[in-house]
Amino acid sequence: MNNNRFQQGRETRKSVLGEAHVARADANSTEFDQPFQELITESAWGTVWSRDNWTKRERSMVTIALLAGLGHLDEVAMHVRAAVNTGATRDDIREAMLHVAIYAGVPAANSAIKVAKTVFAELDREDTENKREKS
C-alpha cells in the first residue's frame, strides 16, 4: 500500500514496536494475512496511534491496560516491551495494572503482571548483555 495513512502508520509502528519487530512482521506475512497487516498498519498505527491528542506514552499505558483487561497476554508482552520506545515506565505500567485489577478484575491483572515481570526480566538480561559487549 502506498497511501499516506499507511505510510504514517508504518513509521509510527516502527517508532513504537521497533524496526526489527516490523521487519519480522513483514517477513512473516503471507498472502493470507497481508490484508490484515495492511489494516492494522493503516487503522491502528496510521489513524489511532498517530493522532496528536495523546502522547505515545499515554497511548502505551492505555493499550497495555486494555489488552490486559481483555486477556490478550501475547499483545501485553509486545506492548510492555515497546514501552521502552514510548516513554512509559515500569511505574506507569504498574499503575495501569492496578487499574486493570479494579476495573477488569484481579485475575486479568495478575496474569498480565506475570507477563510484564517476564518481559522486564528479559529486558534487564538484554541490557546486562549489551553492557558486557560494550566493555
C-alpha atoms as a PDB file:
ATOM      1  CA  MET A   1       0.000   0.000   0.000  1.00  0.00           C
ATOM      2  CA  ASN A   2       1.208   3.473  -0.764  1.00  0.00           C
ATOM      3  CA  ASN A   3      -1.325   5.824   0.776  1.00  0.00           C
ATOM      4  CA  ASN A   4      -0.312   8.496   3.301  1.00  0.00           C
ATOM      5  CA  ARG A   5      -2.124   6.975   6.278  1.00  0.00           C
ATOM      6  CA  PHE A   6      -0.457   3.604   5.672  1.00  0.00           C
ATOM      7  CA  GLN A   7       2.972   5.246   5.387  1.00  0.00           C
ATOM      8  CA  GLN A   8       2.355   7.258   8.573  1.00  0.00           C
ATOM      9  CA  GLY A   9       1.196   4.062  10.291  1.00  0.00           C
ATOM     10  CA  ARG A  10       4.319   2.240   9.216  1.00  0.00           C
ATOM     11  CA  GLU A  11       6.536   4.978  10.674  1.00  0.00           C
ATOM     12  CA  THR A  12       4.556   5.113  13.915  1.00  0.00           C
ATOM     13  CA  ARG A  13       4.569   1.324  14.202  1.00  0.00           C
ATOM     14  CA  LYS A  14       8.355   1.262  13.765  1.00  0.00           C
ATOM     15  CA  SER A  15       8.824   4.011  16.360  1.00  0.00           C
ATOM     16  CA  VAL A  16       6.721   2.150  18.937  1.00  0.00           C
ATOM     17  CA  LEU A  17       7.429  -1.525  18.276  1.00  0.00           C
ATOM     18  CA  GLY A  18      10.878  -1.106  16.758  1.00  0.00           C
ATOM     19  CA  GLU A  19      12.174  -1.614  13.251  1.00  0.00           C
ATOM     20  CA  ALA A  20      13.151  -5.225  13.973  1.00  0.00           C
ATOM     21  CA  HIS A  21       9.592  -6.114  15.005  1.00  0.00           C
ATOM     22  CA  VAL A  22       8.090  -4.540  11.887  1.00  0.00           C
ATOM     23  CA  ALA A  23      10.695  -6.236   9.686  1.00  0.00           C
ATOM     24  CA  ARG A  24       9.808  -9.613  11.276  1.00  0.00           C
ATOM     25  CA  ALA A  25       6.103  -8.976  10.738  1.00  0.00           C
ATOM     26  CA  ASP A  26       6.798  -8.130   7.086  1.00  0.00           C
ATOM     27  CA  ALA A  27       8.995 -11.203   6.627  1.00  0.00           C
ATOM     28  CA  ASN A  28       6.397 -13.496   8.215  1.00  0.00           C
ATOM     29  CA  SER A  29       3.474 -12.024   6.297  1.00  0.00           C
ATOM     30  CA  THR A  30       1.813 -14.268   3.736  1.00  0.00           C
ATOM     31  CA  GLU A  31      -0.811 -13.729   1.083  1.00  0.00           C
ATOM     32  CA  PHE A  32      -3.350 -14.849   3.688  1.00  0.00           C
ATOM     33  CA  ASP A  33      -2.535 -12.273   6.373  1.00  0.00           C
ATOM     34  CA  GLN A  34      -1.228  -9.418   4.208  1.00  0.00           C
ATOM     35  CA  PRO A  35      -4.629  -7.658   4.184  1.00  0.00           C
ATOM     36  CA  PHE A  36      -4.669  -7.873   8.000  1.00  0.00           C
ATOM     37  CA  GLN A  37      -1.170  -6.378   8.251  1.00  0.00           C
ATOM     38  CA  GLU A  38      -2.249  -3.530   5.968  1.00  0.00           C
ATOM     39  CA  LEU A  39      -5.418  -2.979   8.013  1.00  0.00           C
ATOM     40  CA  ILE A  40      -3.646  -2.701  11.357  1.00  0.00           C
ATOM     41  CA  THR A  41      -0.841  -0.577   9.920  1.00  0.00           C
ATOM     42  CA  GLU A  42      -3.275   1.887   8.372  1.00  0.00           C
ATOM     43  CA  SER A  43      -6.010   1.829  11.030  1.00  0.00           C
ATOM     44  CA  ALA A  44      -4.363   1.200  14.383  1.00  0.00           C
ATOM     45  CA  TRP A  45      -0.991   2.770  13.673  1.00  0.00           C
ATOM     46  CA  GLY A  46      -1.818   5.326  10.958  1.00  0.00           C
ATOM     47  CA  THR A  47      -5.121   6.539  12.360  1.00  0.00           C
ATOM     48  CA  VAL A  48      -5.214   5.974  16.133  1.00  0.00           C
ATOM     49  CA  TRP A  49      -1.579   5.824  17.269  1.00  0.00           C
ATOM     50  CA  SER A  50      -0.596   8.734  15.003  1.00  0.00           C
ATOM     51  CA  ARG A  51      -3.103  11.197  16.469  1.00  0.00           C
ATOM     52  CA  ASP A  52      -1.722  14.227  18.322  1.00  0.00           C
ATOM     53  CA  ASN A  53      -4.213  14.212  21.214  1.00  0.00           C
ATOM     54  CA  TRP A  54      -2.235  11.795  23.409  1.00  0.00           C
ATOM     55  CA  THR A  55       1.456  11.087  23.662  1.00  0.00           C
ATOM     56  CA  LYS A  56       2.814   7.690  22.739  1.00  0.00           C
ATOM     57  CA  ARG A  57       3.435   7.161  26.461  1.00  0.00           C
ATOM     58  CA  GLU A  58      -0.250   7.736  27.243  1.00  0.00           C
ATOM     59  CA  ARG A  59      -1.361   5.503  24.381  1.00  0.00           C
ATOM     60  CA  SER A  60       1.047   2.850  25.541  1.00  0.00           C
ATOM     61  CA  MET A  61      -0.375   2.756  29.074  1.00  0.00           C
ATOM     62  CA  VAL A  62      -3.977   2.670  27.858  1.00  0.00           C
ATOM     63  CA  THR A  63      -3.171  -0.038  25.321  1.00  0.00           C
ATOM     64  CA  ILE A  64      -1.432  -2.207  27.911  1.00  0.00           C
ATOM     65  CA  ALA A  65      -4.350  -1.816  30.328  1.00  0.00           C
ATOM     66  CA  LEU A  66      -6.925  -2.656  27.655  1.00  0.00           C
ATOM     67  CA  LEU A  67      -5.007  -5.676  26.430  1.00  0.00           C
ATOM     68  CA  ALA A  68      -4.514  -6.900  29.993  1.00  0.00           C
ATOM     69  CA  GLY A  69      -8.193  -6.431  30.802  1.00  0.00           C
ATOM     70  CA  LEU A  70      -9.163  -8.389  27.709  1.00  0.00           C
ATOM     71  CA  GLY A  71      -6.657 -11.159  28.467  1.00  0.00           C
ATOM     72  CA  HIS A  72      -4.565 -10.700  25.309  1.00  0.00           C
ATOM     73  CA  LEU A  73      -1.316 -11.637  27.004  1.00  0.00           C
ATOM     74  CA  ASP A  74       0.881 -12.006  23.892  1.00  0.00           C
ATOM     75  CA  GLU A  75      -0.053  -8.468  22.946  1.00  0.00           C
ATOM     76  CA  VAL A  76       0.564  -7.309  26.542  1.00  0.00           C
ATOM     77  CA  ALA A  77       4.107  -8.677  26.280  1.00  0.00           C
ATOM     78  CA  MET A  78       4.690  -6.942  22.952  1.00  0.00           C
ATOM     79  CA  HIS A  79       3.452  -3.588  24.262  1.00  0.00           C
ATOM     80  CA  VAL A  80       5.312  -3.846  27.587  1.00  0.00           C
ATOM     81  CA  ARG A  81       8.485  -4.392  25.553  1.00  0.00           C
ATOM     82  CA  ALA A  82       7.531  -1.456  23.309  1.00  0.00           C
ATOM     83  CA  ALA A  83       7.090   0.821  26.332  1.00  0.00           C
ATOM     84  CA  VAL A  84      10.864   1.322  26.217  1.00  0.00           C
ATOM     85  CA  ASN A  85      10.243   3.265  22.984  1.00  0.00           C
ATOM     86  CA  THR A  86       7.172   5.202  24.157  1.00  0.00           C
ATOM     87  CA  GLY A  87       8.458   6.568  27.441  1.00  0.00           C
ATOM     88  CA  ALA A  88       6.034   4.548  29.574  1.00  0.00           C
ATOM     89  CA  THR A  89       7.963   3.452  32.655  1.00  0.00           C
ATOM     90  CA  ARG A  90       7.661   0.363  34.786  1.00  0.00           C
ATOM     91  CA  ASP A  91       5.926   2.556  37.366  1.00  0.00           C
ATOM     92  CA  ASP A  92       3.422   3.620  34.683  1.00  0.00           C
ATOM     93  CA  ILE A  93       2.771   0.006  33.761  1.00  0.00           C
ATOM     94  CA  ARG A  94       2.334  -0.965  37.413  1.00  0.00           C
ATOM     95  CA  GLU A  95      -0.256   1.802  37.817  1.00  0.00           C
ATOM     96  CA  ALA A  96      -2.059   0.595  34.689  1.00  0.00           C
ATOM     97  CA  MET A  97      -2.172  -2.915  36.172  1.00  0.00           C
ATOM     98  CA  LEU A  98      -3.716  -1.567  39.380  1.00  0.00           C
ATOM     99  CA  HIS A  99      -6.472  -0.010  37.267  1.00  0.00           C
ATOM    100  CA  VAL A 100      -6.920  -3.310  35.451  1.00  0.00           C
ATOM    101  CA  ALA A 101      -7.326  -5.082  38.786  1.00  0.00           C
ATOM    102  CA  ILE A 102     -10.076  -2.720  39.889  1.00  0.00           C
ATOM    103  CA  TYR A 103     -11.920  -2.252  36.603  1.00  0.00           C
ATOM    104  CA  ALA A 104     -11.343  -5.561  34.779  1.00  0.00           C
ATOM    105  CA  GLY A 105     -10.623  -7.953  37.627  1.00  0.00           C
ATOM    106  CA  VAL A 106      -7.790  -9.254  39.742  1.00  0.00           C
ATOM    107  CA  PRO A 107      -7.259 -12.424  37.648  1.00  0.00           C
ATOM    108  CA  ALA A 108      -6.734 -10.350  34.482  1.00  0.00           C
ATOM    109  CA  ALA A 109      -4.269  -8.075  36.248  1.00  0.00           C
ATOM    110  CA  ASN A 110      -2.484 -10.991  37.908  1.00  0.00           C
ATOM    111  CA  SER A 111      -1.935 -12.741  34.571  1.00  0.00           C
ATOM    112  CA  ALA A 112      -0.742  -9.531  32.892  1.00  0.00           C
ATOM    113  CA  ILE A 113       1.584  -8.702  35.796  1.00  0.00           C
ATOM    114  CA  LYS A 114       3.244 -12.114  35.385  1.00  0.00           C
ATOM    115  CA  VAL A 115       3.761 -11.353  31.687  1.00  0.00           C
ATOM    116  CA  ALA A 116       5.134  -7.879  32.438  1.00  0.00           C
ATOM    117  CA  LYS A 117       7.566  -9.279  35.020  1.00  0.00           C
ATOM    118  CA  THR A 118       8.840 -11.805  32.482  1.00  0.00           C
ATOM    119  CA  VAL A 119       9.349  -9.064  29.883  1.00  0.00           C
ATOM    120  CA  PHE A 120      11.128  -6.848  32.427  1.00  0.00           C
ATOM    121  CA  ALA A 121      13.465  -9.725  33.305  1.00  0.00           C
ATOM    122  CA  GLU A 122      14.222 -10.278  29.605  1.00  0.00           C
ATOM    123  CA  LEU A 123      14.883  -6.564  29.086  1.00  0.00           C
ATOM    124  CA  ASP A 124      17.187  -6.496  32.124  1.00  0.00           C
ATOM    125  CA  ARG A 125      19.101  -9.525  30.802  1.00  0.00           C
ATOM    126  CA  GLU A 126      19.442  -7.920  27.363  1.00  0.00           C
ATOM    127  CA  ASP A 127      20.636  -4.673  28.959  1.00  0.00           C
ATOM    128  CA  THR A 128      23.250  -6.528  31.017  1.00  0.00           C
ATOM    129  CA  GLU A 129      24.447  -8.445  27.930  1.00  0.00           C
ATOM    130  CA  ASN A 130      24.681  -5.223  25.910  1.00  0.00           C
ATOM    131  CA  LYS A 131      26.722  -3.555  28.655  1.00  0.00           C
ATOM    132  CA  ARG A 132      29.106  -6.528  28.748  1.00  0.00           C
ATOM    133  CA  GLU A 133      29.571  -6.431  24.983  1.00  0.00           C
ATOM    134  CA  LYS A 134      30.424  -2.705  25.098  1.00  0.00           C
ATOM    135  CA  SER A 135      33.043  -3.078  27.823  1.00  0.00           C
END
